[in-house]
């Protein structure tokens, strides 16, 4: 039983980084795609910095969008 808990993580970490296996697992656990999962993780990890990013992007966006 313990093997089945440890083995997938060990295998995922041993695969090439460009395959983004760990990121795909995280997105699946959050029930969304990788893009939205990344946004959610950034917002939860550092809300102030996330708000700065959002504010900067909104300031660059053309009016009416």
PDB file of N, CA and C in Angstrom:
ATOM      1  N   UNK A   1       0.818  -1.193   0.000  1.00  0.00           N
ATOM      2  CA  UNK A   1       0.000   0.000   0.000  1.00  0.00           C
ATOM      3  C   UNK A   1       0.866   1.263   0.000  1.00  0.00           C
ATOM      4  N   UNK A   2       1.900   1.251   0.818  1.00  0.00           N
ATOM      5  CA  UNK A   2       2.798   2.408   0.877  1.00  0.00           C
ATOM      6  C   UNK A   2       3.508   2.608  -0.457  1.00  0.00           C
ATOM      7  N   UNK A   3       3.836   1.517  -1.104  1.00  0.00           N
ATOM      8  CA  UNK A   3       4.505   1.596  -2.406  1.00  0.00           C
ATOM      9  C   UNK A   3       3.659   2.361  -3.413  1.00  0.00           C
ATOM     10  N   UNK A   4       2.362   2.106  -3.418  1.00  0.00           N
ATOM     11  CA  UNK A   4       1.478   2.788  -4.362  1.00  0.00           C
ATOM     12  C   UNK A   4       1.328   4.270  -4.031  1.00  0.00           C
ATOM     13  N   UNK A   5       1.594   4.657  -2.789  1.00  0.00           N
ATOM     14  CA  UNK A   5       1.537   6.065  -2.413  1.00  0.00           C
ATOM     15  C   UNK A   5       2.825   6.796  -2.786  1.00  0.00           C
ATOM     16  N   UNK A   6       3.953   6.114  -2.714  1.00  0.00           N
ATOM     17  CA  UNK A   6       5.252   6.738  -2.954  1.00  0.00           C
ATOM     18  C   UNK A   6       5.682   6.650  -4.412  1.00  0.00           C
ATOM     19  N   UNK A   7       5.417   5.543  -5.050  1.00  0.00           N
ATOM     20  CA  UNK A   7       5.925   5.275  -6.393  1.00  0.00           C
ATOM     21  C   UNK A   7       5.535   6.315  -7.451  1.00  0.00           C
ATOM     22  N   UNK A   8       4.277   6.750  -7.539  1.00  0.00           N
ATOM     23  CA  UNK A   8       3.939   7.719  -8.600  1.00  0.00           C
ATOM     24  C   UNK A   8       4.725   9.027  -8.498  1.00  0.00           C
ATOM     25  N   UNK A   9       4.911   9.528  -7.288  1.00  0.00           N
ATOM     26  CA  UNK A   9       5.678  10.764  -7.123  1.00  0.00           C
ATOM     27  C   UNK A   9       7.127  10.590  -7.513  1.00  0.00           C
ATOM     28  N   UNK A  10       7.707   9.467  -7.129  1.00  0.00           N
ATOM     29  CA  UNK A  10       9.104   9.197  -7.478  1.00  0.00           C
ATOM     30  C   UNK A  10       9.268   9.074  -8.988  1.00  0.00           C
ATOM     31  N   UNK A  11       8.353   8.398  -9.628  1.00  0.00           N
ATOM     32  CA  UNK A  11       8.411   8.253 -11.089  1.00  0.00           C
ATOM     33  C   UNK A  11       8.240   9.616 -11.753  1.00  0.00           C
ATOM     34  N   UNK A  12       7.279  10.408 -11.286  1.00  0.00           N
ATOM     35  CA  UNK A  12       7.027  11.726 -11.879  1.00  0.00           C
ATOM     36  C   UNK A  12       8.253  12.629 -11.755  1.00  0.00           C
ATOM     37  N   UNK A  13       8.937  12.576 -10.622  1.00  0.00           N
ATOM     38  CA  UNK A  13      10.125  13.407 -10.432  1.00  0.00           C
ATOM     39  C   UNK A  13      11.307  12.934 -11.269  1.00  0.00           C
ATOM     40  N   UNK A  14      11.309  11.682 -11.674  1.00  0.00           N
ATOM     41  CA  UNK A  14      12.430  11.161 -12.462  1.00  0.00           C
ATOM     42  C   UNK A  14      12.273  11.423 -13.963  1.00  0.00           C
ATOM     43  N   UNK A  15      11.104  11.835 -14.390  1.00  0.00           N
ATOM     44  CA  UNK A  15      10.858  12.097 -15.810  1.00  0.00           C
ATOM     45  C   UNK A  15      11.406  13.469 -16.198  1.00  0.00           C
ATOM     46  N   UNK A  16      11.634  13.718 -17.487  1.00  0.00           N
ATOM     47  CA  UNK A  16      12.150  15.026 -17.920  1.00  0.00           C
ATOM     48  C   UNK A  16      11.231  16.171 -17.491  1.00  0.00           C
ATOM     49  N   UNK A  17      11.840  17.270 -17.080  1.00  0.00           N
ATOM     50  CA  UNK A  17      11.092  18.434 -16.602  1.00  0.00           C
ATOM     51  C   UNK A  17      10.173  18.979 -17.691  1.00  0.00           C
ATOM     52  N   UNK A  18      10.633  18.948 -18.945  1.00  0.00           N
ATOM     53  CA  UNK A  18       9.826  19.527 -20.033  1.00  0.00           C
ATOM     54  C   UNK A  18       8.490  18.821 -20.228  1.00  0.00           C
ATOM     55  N   UNK A  19       8.348  17.615 -19.683  1.00  0.00           N
ATOM     56  CA  UNK A  19       7.074  16.907 -19.773  1.00  0.00           C
ATOM     57  C   UNK A  19       6.037  17.483 -18.815  1.00  0.00           C
ATOM     58  N   UNK A  20       6.456  18.265 -17.834  1.00  0.00           N
ATOM     59  CA  UNK A  20       5.573  18.945 -16.877  1.00  0.00           C
ATOM     60  C   UNK A  20       4.620  17.979 -16.171  1.00  0.00           C
ATOM     61  N   UNK A  21       5.120  16.821 -15.797  1.00  0.00           N
ATOM     62  CA  UNK A  21       4.273  15.809 -15.157  1.00  0.00           C
ATOM     63  C   UNK A  21       3.759  16.298 -13.809  1.00  0.00           C
ATOM     64  N   UNK A  22       4.644  16.875 -12.993  1.00  0.00           N
ATOM     65  CA  UNK A  22       4.204  17.347 -11.676  1.00  0.00           C
ATOM     66  C   UNK A  22       3.161  18.456 -11.806  1.00  0.00           C
ATOM     67  N   UNK A  23       3.347  19.334 -12.777  1.00  0.00           N
ATOM     68  CA  UNK A  23       2.381  20.410 -12.997  1.00  0.00           C
ATOM     69  C   UNK A  23       1.038  19.850 -13.463  1.00  0.00           C
ATOM     70  N   UNK A  24       1.089  18.839 -14.302  1.00  0.00           N
ATOM     71  CA  UNK A  24      -0.156  18.208 -14.772  1.00  0.00           C
ATOM     72  C   UNK A  24      -0.888  17.522 -13.620  1.00  0.00           C
ATOM     73  N   UNK A  25      -0.125  16.884 -12.746  1.00  0.00           N
ATOM     74  CA  UNK A  25      -0.736  16.238 -11.576  1.00  0.00           C
ATOM     75  C   UNK A  25      -1.392  17.289 -10.692  1.00  0.00           C
ATOM     76  N   UNK A  26      -0.690  18.404 -10.460  1.00  0.00           N
ATOM     77  CA  UNK A  26      -1.247  19.474  -9.629  1.00  0.00           C
ATOM     78  C   UNK A  26      -2.523  20.036 -10.248  1.00  0.00           C
ATOM     79  N   UNK A  27      -2.517  20.255 -11.551  1.00  0.00           N
ATOM     80  CA  UNK A  27      -3.705  20.779 -12.226  1.00  0.00           C
ATOM     81  C   UNK A  27      -4.866  19.803 -12.108  1.00  0.00           C
ATOM     82  N   UNK A  28      -4.592  18.525 -12.282  1.00  0.00           N
ATOM     83  CA  UNK A  28      -5.649  17.525 -12.179  1.00  0.00           C
ATOM     84  C   UNK A  28      -6.222  17.488 -10.759  1.00  0.00           C
ATOM     85  N   UNK A  29      -5.351  17.621  -9.759  1.00  0.00           N
ATOM     86  CA  UNK A  29      -5.819  17.608  -8.371  1.00  0.00           C
ATOM     87  C   UNK A  29      -6.708  18.814  -8.083  1.00  0.00           C
ATOM     88  N   UNK A  30      -6.408  19.947  -8.727  1.00  0.00           N
ATOM     89  CA  UNK A  30      -7.218  21.145  -8.546  1.00  0.00           C
ATOM     90  C   UNK A  30      -8.456  21.145  -9.434  1.00  0.00           C
ATOM     91  N   UNK A  31      -8.547  20.186 -10.334  1.00  0.00           N
ATOM     92  CA  UNK A  31      -9.728  20.059 -11.186  1.00  0.00           C
ATOM     93  C   UNK A  31      -9.824  21.119 -12.266  1.00  0.00           C
ATOM     94  N   UNK A  32      -8.695  21.530 -12.821  1.00  0.00           N
ATOM     95  CA  UNK A  32      -8.697  22.562 -13.841  1.00  0.00           C
ATOM     96  C   UNK A  32      -7.541  22.331 -14.808  1.00  0.00           C
ATOM     97  N   UNK A  33      -7.371  23.235 -15.773  1.00  0.00           N
ATOM     98  CA  UNK A  33      -6.235  23.105 -16.676  1.00  0.00           C
ATOM     99  C   UNK A  33      -4.987  23.707 -16.024  1.00  0.00           C
ATOM    100  N   UNK A  34      -3.838  23.503 -16.644  1.00  0.00           N
ATOM    101  CA  UNK A  34      -2.582  23.947 -16.036  1.00  0.00           C
ATOM    102  C   UNK A  34      -2.524  25.461 -15.875  1.00  0.00           C
ATOM    103  N   UNK A  35      -3.090  26.202 -16.809  1.00  0.00           N
ATOM    104  CA  UNK A  35      -3.043  27.662 -16.753  1.00  0.00           C
ATOM    105  C   UNK A  35      -3.798  28.183 -15.532  1.00  0.00           C
ATOM    106  N   UNK A  36      -5.027  27.747 -15.371  1.00  0.00           N
ATOM    107  CA  UNK A  36      -5.833  28.214 -14.234  1.00  0.00           C
ATOM    108  C   UNK A  36      -5.301  27.677 -12.909  1.00  0.00           C
ATOM    109  N   UNK A  37      -4.770  26.476 -12.925  1.00  0.00           N
ATOM    110  CA  UNK A  37      -4.171  25.924 -11.706  1.00  0.00           C
ATOM    111  C   UNK A  37      -2.992  26.784 -11.274  1.00  0.00           C
ATOM    112  N   UNK A  38      -2.179  27.203 -12.237  1.00  0.00           N
ATOM    113  CA  UNK A  38      -1.039  28.066 -11.926  1.00  0.00           C
ATOM    114  C   UNK A  38      -1.475  29.407 -11.374  1.00  0.00           C
ATOM    115  N   UNK A  39      -2.523  29.973 -11.957  1.00  0.00           N
ATOM    116  CA  UNK A  39      -3.044  31.237 -11.452  1.00  0.00           C
ATOM    117  C   UNK A  39      -3.530  31.085 -10.019  1.00  0.00           C
ATOM    118  N   UNK A  40      -4.259  30.016  -9.767  1.00  0.00           N
ATOM    119  CA  UNK A  40      -4.777  29.783  -8.419  1.00  0.00           C
ATOM    120  C   UNK A  40      -3.667  29.577  -7.404  1.00  0.00           C
ATOM    121  N   UNK A  41      -2.634  28.824  -7.785  1.00  0.00           N
ATOM    122  CA  UNK A  41      -1.523  28.587  -6.859  1.00  0.00           C
ATOM    123  C   UNK A  41      -0.753  29.872  -6.579  1.00  0.00           C
ATOM    124  N   UNK A  42      -0.542  30.705  -7.610  1.00  0.00           N
ATOM    125  CA  UNK A  42       0.155  31.975  -7.391  1.00  0.00           C
ATOM    126  C   UNK A  42      -0.661  32.890  -6.487  1.00  0.00           C
ATOM    127  N   UNK A  43      -1.969  32.948  -6.714  1.00  0.00           N
ATOM    128  CA  UNK A  43      -2.828  33.813  -5.908  1.00  0.00           C
ATOM    129  C   UNK A  43      -2.856  33.382  -4.448  1.00  0.00           C
ATOM    130  N   UNK A  44      -2.822  32.091  -4.203  1.00  0.00           N
ATOM    131  CA  UNK A  44      -2.843  31.595  -2.824  1.00  0.00           C
ATOM    132  C   UNK A  44      -1.479  31.709  -2.151  1.00  0.00           C
ATOM    133  N   UNK A  45      -0.413  31.544  -2.921  1.00  0.00           N
ATOM    134  CA  UNK A  45       0.939  31.578  -2.357  1.00  0.00           C
ATOM    135  C   UNK A  45       1.339  32.981  -1.919  1.00  0.00           C
ATOM    136  N   UNK A  46       0.978  33.993  -2.697  1.00  0.00           N
ATOM    137  CA  UNK A  46       1.369  35.370  -2.383  1.00  0.00           C
ATOM    138  C   UNK A  46       0.307  36.324  -2.924  1.00  0.00           C
ATOM    139  N   UNK A  47      -0.782  36.519  -2.156  1.00  0.00           N
ATOM    140  CA  UNK A  47      -1.901  37.335  -2.643  1.00  0.00           C
ATOM    141  C   UNK A  47      -1.512  38.761  -3.026  1.00  0.00           C
ATOM    142  N   UNK A  48      -0.614  39.392  -2.264  1.00  0.00           N
ATOM    143  CA  UNK A  48      -0.227  40.769  -2.583  1.00  0.00           C
ATOM    144  C   UNK A  48       0.485  40.848  -3.936  1.00  0.00           C
ATOM    145  N   UNK A  49       1.396  39.946  -4.146  1.00  0.00           N
ATOM    146  CA  UNK A  49       2.125  39.938  -5.415  1.00  0.00           C
ATOM    147  C   UNK A  49       1.196  39.590  -6.573  1.00  0.00           C
ATOM    148  N   UNK A  50       0.275  38.664  -6.338  1.00  0.00           N
ATOM    149  CA  UNK A  50      -0.694  38.305  -7.375  1.00  0.00           C
ATOM    150  C   UNK A  50      -1.534  39.520  -7.752  1.00  0.00           C
ATOM    151  N   UNK A  51      -1.976  40.286  -6.751  1.00  0.00           N
ATOM    152  CA  UNK A  51      -2.773  41.482  -7.029  1.00  0.00           C
ATOM    153  C   UNK A  51      -1.973  42.508  -7.825  1.00  0.00           C
ATOM    154  N   UNK A  52      -0.671  42.611  -7.567  1.00  0.00           N
ATOM    155  CA  UNK A  52       0.175  43.511  -8.351  1.00  0.00           C
ATOM    156  C   UNK A  52       0.211  43.076  -9.815  1.00  0.00           C
ATOM    157  N   UNK A  53       0.325  41.792 -10.040  1.00  0.00           N
ATOM    158  CA  UNK A  53       0.344  41.267 -11.413  1.00  0.00           C
ATOM    159  C   UNK A  53      -0.974  41.570 -12.116  1.00  0.00           C
ATOM    160  N   UNK A  54      -2.079  41.307 -11.430  1.00  0.00           N
ATOM    161  CA  UNK A  54      -3.405  41.547 -12.015  1.00  0.00           C
ATOM    162  C   UNK A  54      -3.597  43.028 -12.309  1.00  0.00           C
ATOM    163  N   UNK A  55      -3.228  43.887 -11.358  1.00  0.00           N
ATOM    164  CA  UNK A  55      -3.379  45.332 -11.559  1.00  0.00           C
ATOM    165  C   UNK A  55      -2.550  45.816 -12.746  1.00  0.00           C
ATOM    166  N   UNK A  56      -1.323  45.318 -12.873  1.00  0.00           N
ATOM    167  CA  UNK A  56      -0.451  45.714 -13.969  1.00  0.00           C
ATOM    168  C   UNK A  56      -1.043  45.280 -15.310  1.00  0.00           C
ATOM    169  N   UNK A  57      -1.575  44.069 -15.366  1.00  0.00           N
ATOM    170  CA  UNK A  57      -2.167  43.573 -16.618  1.00  0.00           C
ATOM    171  C   UNK A  57      -3.431  44.347 -16.979  1.00  0.00           C
ATOM    172  N   UNK A  58      -4.229  44.691 -15.970  1.00  0.00           N
ATOM    173  CA  UNK A  58      -5.447  45.458 -16.243  1.00  0.00           C
ATOM    174  C   UNK A  58      -5.107  46.863 -16.726  1.00  0.00           C
ATOM    175  N   UNK A  59      -4.017  47.427 -16.211  1.00  0.00           N
ATOM    176  CA  UNK A  59      -3.608  48.763 -16.644  1.00  0.00           C
ATOM    177  C   UNK A  59      -3.128  48.748 -18.094  1.00  0.00           C
ATOM    178  N   UNK A  60      -2.532  47.637 -18.533  1.00  0.00           N
ATOM    179  CA  UNK A  60      -2.048  47.527 -19.912  1.00  0.00           C
ATOM    180  C   UNK A  60      -3.166  47.216 -20.899  1.00  0.00           C
ATOM    181  N   UNK A  61      -4.272  46.658 -20.425  1.00  0.00           N
ATOM    182  CA  UNK A  61      -5.363  46.246 -21.318  1.00  0.00           C
ATOM    183  C   UNK A  61      -6.056  47.477 -21.900  1.00  0.00           C
ATOM    184  N   UNK A  62      -6.451  47.397 -23.161  1.00  0.00           N
ATOM    185  CA  UNK A  62      -7.187  48.519 -23.759  1.00  0.00           C
ATOM    186  C   UNK A  62      -8.547  48.692 -23.080  1.00  0.00           C
ATOM    187  N   UNK A  63      -9.021  49.909 -23.098  1.00  0.00           N
ATOM    188  CA  UNK A  63     -10.319  50.188 -22.480  1.00  0.00           C
ATOM    189  C   UNK A  63     -11.423  49.447 -23.212  1.00  0.00           C
ATOM    190  N   UNK A  64     -12.428  49.026 -22.467  1.00  0.00           N
ATOM    191  CA  UNK A  64     -13.564  48.335 -23.052  1.00  0.00           C
ATOM    192  C   UNK A  64     -13.427  46.833 -23.050  1.00  0.00           C
ATOM    193  N   UNK A  65     -12.292  46.309 -22.600  1.00  0.00           N
ATOM    194  CA  UNK A  65     -12.120  44.853 -22.560  1.00  0.00           C
ATOM    195  C   UNK A  65     -12.216  44.345 -21.158  1.00  0.00           C
TER     196      UNK A  65
END
